[in-house]
C-alpha atoms as a PDB file:
ATOM      1  CA  MET A   1     -20.195  21.194  84.211  1.00  0.00           C
ATOM      2  CA  ASN A   2     -21.447  17.625  84.590  1.00  0.00           C
ATOM      3  CA  SER A   3     -22.081  15.400  81.570  1.00  0.00           C
ATOM      4  CA  PHE A   4     -25.848  16.077  81.610  1.00  0.00           C
ATOM      5  CA  ASP A   5     -25.261  19.832  81.603  1.00  0.00           C
ATOM      6  CA  LEU A   6     -22.704  19.437  78.820  1.00  0.00           C
ATOM      7  CA  THR A   7     -25.179  17.396  76.765  1.00  0.00           C
ATOM      8  CA  ASP A   8     -27.815  20.118  77.208  1.00  0.00           C
ATOM      9  CA  PHE A   9     -25.268  22.755  76.247  1.00  0.00           C
ATOM     10  CA  ARG A  10     -24.208  20.850  73.121  1.00  0.00           C
ATOM     11  CA  GLU A  11     -27.891  20.532  72.177  1.00  0.00           C
ATOM     12  CA  GLU A  12     -28.306  24.287  72.614  1.00  0.00           C
ATOM     13  CA  GLN A  13     -25.256  24.861  70.427  1.00  0.00           C
ATOM     14  CA  ALA A  14     -26.626  22.577  67.701  1.00  0.00           C
ATOM     15  CA  LYS A  15     -29.956  24.408  67.783  1.00  0.00           C
ATOM     16  CA  ALA A  16     -28.145  27.739  67.490  1.00  0.00           C
ATOM     17  CA  LEU A  17     -26.582  26.532  64.242  1.00  0.00           C
ATOM     18  CA  SER A  18     -29.876  25.259  62.811  1.00  0.00           C
ATOM     19  CA  SER A  19     -30.849  28.603  61.291  1.00  0.00           C
ATOM     20  CA  ALA A  20     -29.677  29.993  57.965  1.00  0.00           C
ATOM     21  CA  ALA A  21     -29.792  33.515  59.415  1.00  0.00           C
ATOM     22  CA  ARG A  22     -27.568  32.556  62.350  1.00  0.00           C
ATOM     23  CA  MET A  23     -25.146  30.774  60.040  1.00  0.00           C
ATOM     24  CA  LYS A  24     -24.959  33.930  57.900  1.00  0.00           C
ATOM     25  CA  ILE A  25     -24.200  36.012  60.990  1.00  0.00           C
ATOM     26  CA  LEU A  26     -21.364  33.680  62.004  1.00  0.00           C
ATOM     27  CA  HIS A  27     -20.028  33.667  58.453  1.00  0.00           C
ATOM     28  CA  TRP A  28     -20.087  37.480  58.187  1.00  0.00           C
ATOM     29  CA  LEU A  29     -18.468  37.899  61.600  1.00  0.00           C
ATOM     30  CA  ARG A  30     -15.607  35.657  60.509  1.00  0.00           C
ATOM     31  CA  THR A  31     -14.262  38.638  58.536  1.00  0.00           C
ATOM     32  CA  PRO A  32     -16.075  41.638  60.011  1.00  0.00           C
ATOM     33  CA  GLU A  33     -13.651  44.150  58.547  1.00  0.00           C
ATOM     34  CA  VAL A  34     -14.733  42.994  55.070  1.00  0.00           C
ATOM     35  CA  ASN A  35     -18.446  42.433  55.691  1.00  0.00           C
ATOM     36  CA  PHE A  36     -19.006  45.487  57.882  1.00  0.00           C
ATOM     37  CA  ALA A  37     -16.399  47.912  56.567  1.00  0.00           C
ATOM     38  CA  GLU A  38     -18.925  50.744  56.900  1.00  0.00           C
ATOM     39  CA  GLN A  39     -18.821  50.578  60.718  1.00  0.00           C
ATOM     40  CA  VAL A  40     -17.378  53.856  62.001  1.00  0.00           C
ATOM     41  CA  THR A  41     -17.550  53.171  65.747  1.00  0.00           C
ATOM     42  CA  GLY A  42     -14.309  51.281  66.216  1.00  0.00           C
ATOM     43  CA  ASP A  43     -12.660  48.430  64.376  1.00  0.00           C
ATOM     44  CA  PRO A  44     -15.267  45.665  63.887  1.00  0.00           C
ATOM     45  CA  ALA A  45     -12.554  42.998  64.198  1.00  0.00           C
ATOM     46  CA  GLU A  46     -11.552  44.432  67.566  1.00  0.00           C
ATOM     47  CA  ILE A  47     -14.796  45.500  69.262  1.00  0.00           C
ATOM     48  CA  GLY A  48     -17.346  43.518  67.262  1.00  0.00           C
ATOM     49  CA  VAL A  49     -20.120  44.620  64.944  1.00  0.00           C
ATOM     50  CA  CYS A  50     -23.040  46.831  65.893  1.00  0.00           C
ATOM     51  CA  VAL A  51     -26.457  45.159  65.961  1.00  0.00           C
ATOM     52  CA  THR A  52     -27.770  47.868  63.622  1.00  0.00           C
ATOM     53  CA  LEU A  53     -25.370  46.832  60.864  1.00  0.00           C
ATOM     54  CA  ILE A  54     -26.146  43.127  61.288  1.00  0.00           C
ATOM     55  CA  THR A  55     -29.872  43.969  61.185  1.00  0.00           C
ATOM     56  CA  GLY A  56     -29.458  45.909  57.954  1.00  0.00           C
ATOM     57  CA  LYS A  57     -27.414  43.171  56.299  1.00  0.00           C
ATOM     58  CA  LEU A  58     -29.928  40.462  57.258  1.00  0.00           C
ATOM     59  CA  GLY A  59     -32.889  42.577  56.187  1.00  0.00           C
ATOM     60  CA  MET A  60     -34.909  41.525  59.222  1.00  0.00           C
ATOM     61  CA  SER A  61     -36.478  43.433  62.069  1.00  0.00           C
ATOM     62  CA  GLN A  62     -34.246  44.427  64.968  1.00  0.00           C
ATOM     63  CA  PRO A  63     -36.113  42.241  67.514  1.00  0.00           C
ATOM     64  CA  THR A  64     -35.738  39.195  65.250  1.00  0.00           C
ATOM     65  CA  VAL A  65     -32.026  39.823  64.751  1.00  0.00           C
ATOM     66  CA  SER A  66     -31.566  40.406  68.485  1.00  0.00           C
ATOM     67  CA  ARG A  67     -33.162  37.018  69.134  1.00  0.00           C
ATOM     68  CA  HIS A  68     -30.785  35.324  66.677  1.00  0.00           C
ATOM     69  CA  LEU A  69     -27.806  37.057  68.298  1.00  0.00           C
ATOM     70  CA  GLU A  70     -28.960  36.078  71.780  1.00  0.00           C
ATOM     71  CA  LEU A  71     -29.249  32.398  70.795  1.00  0.00           C
ATOM     72  CA  LEU A  72     -25.722  32.485  69.377  1.00  0.00           C
ATOM     73  CA  ARG A  73     -24.458  34.248  72.501  1.00  0.00           C
ATOM     74  CA  ARG A  74     -26.102  31.729  74.840  1.00  0.00           C
ATOM     75  CA  ALA A  75     -24.508  28.931  72.815  1.00  0.00           C
ATOM     76  CA  GLY A  76     -21.148  30.592  73.428  1.00  0.00           C
ATOM     77  CA  PHE A  77     -20.485  31.334  69.756  1.00  0.00           C
ATOM     78  CA  LEU A  78     -20.650  35.127  70.160  1.00  0.00           C
ATOM     79  CA  THR A  79     -19.532  37.627  72.747  1.00  0.00           C
ATOM     80  CA  VAL A  80     -21.197  40.975  73.246  1.00  0.00           C
ATOM     81  CA  GLN A  81     -19.643  44.242  74.310  1.00  0.00           C
ATOM     82  CA  ARG A  82     -21.726  47.249  75.324  1.00  0.00           C
ATOM     83  CA  ILE A  83     -20.382  50.663  74.382  1.00  0.00           C
ATOM     84  CA  GLY A  84     -22.750  53.396  75.420  1.00  0.00           C
ATOM     85  CA  LYS A  85     -26.202  52.366  74.284  1.00  0.00           C
ATOM     86  CA  TRP A  86     -24.883  50.104  71.514  1.00  0.00           C
ATOM     87  CA  SER A  87     -24.145  46.375  71.524  1.00  0.00           C
ATOM     88  CA  PHE A  88     -21.278  44.979  69.472  1.00  0.00           C
ATOM     89  CA  TYR A  89     -21.020  41.276  68.665  1.00  0.00           C
ATOM     90  CA  LYS A  90     -18.049  39.176  67.644  1.00  0.00           C
ATOM     91  CA  ARG A  91     -17.288  35.507  67.264  1.00  0.00           C
ATOM     92  CA  ASP A  92     -15.830  33.521  70.138  1.00  0.00           C
ATOM     93  CA  GLU A  93     -13.261  31.557  68.168  1.00  0.00           C
ATOM     94  CA  GLU A  94     -12.272  29.386  71.124  1.00  0.00           C
ATOM     95  CA  THR A  95     -15.828  28.138  71.647  1.00  0.00           C
ATOM     96  CA  LEU A  96     -16.356  27.610  67.928  1.00  0.00           C
ATOM     97  CA  SER A  97     -13.136  25.582  67.741  1.00  0.00           C
ATOM     98  CA  ASP A  98     -14.140  23.548  70.790  1.00  0.00           C
ATOM     99  CA  TYR A  99     -17.535  22.799  69.243  1.00  0.00           C
ATOM    100  CA  ARG A 100     -15.957  21.720  65.941  1.00  0.00           C
ATOM    101  CA  SER A 101     -13.575  19.400  67.821  1.00  0.00           C
ATOM    102  CA  TRP A 102     -16.382  17.933  69.904  1.00  0.00           C
ATOM    103  CA  LEU A 103     -18.542  17.394  66.810  1.00  0.00           C
ATOM    104  CA  ASN A 104     -15.667  15.711  64.999  1.00  0.00           C
ATOM    105  CA  ASP A 105     -15.058  13.388  67.968  1.00  0.00           C
ATOM    106  CA  ALA A 106     -18.771  12.719  68.572  1.00  0.00           C
ATOM    107  CA  LEU A 107     -19.500  11.721  65.006  1.00  0.00           C
END
């Protein structure tokens, strides 16, 4: 990735964090076993959290939540795993750590 691409990517990451809803999602997914203990399809810490549960917790429509999740995924902050017809999201700790380090160095 050249420096221009990296700058664009960092801008996309900053935009992904500019929403209270997206920040809530990242916060909840930090401890998914606590915040989504009701998930019965696998361990949320292992496979991620089902979109349906995130949608319910946010109290928004599914398309709106899917858009928030997609922005976080494109920024590298979330990974998605498909199991059957369901999508499960979890934090990408390596990317989040890299972003925090870059932000600390850049500022």
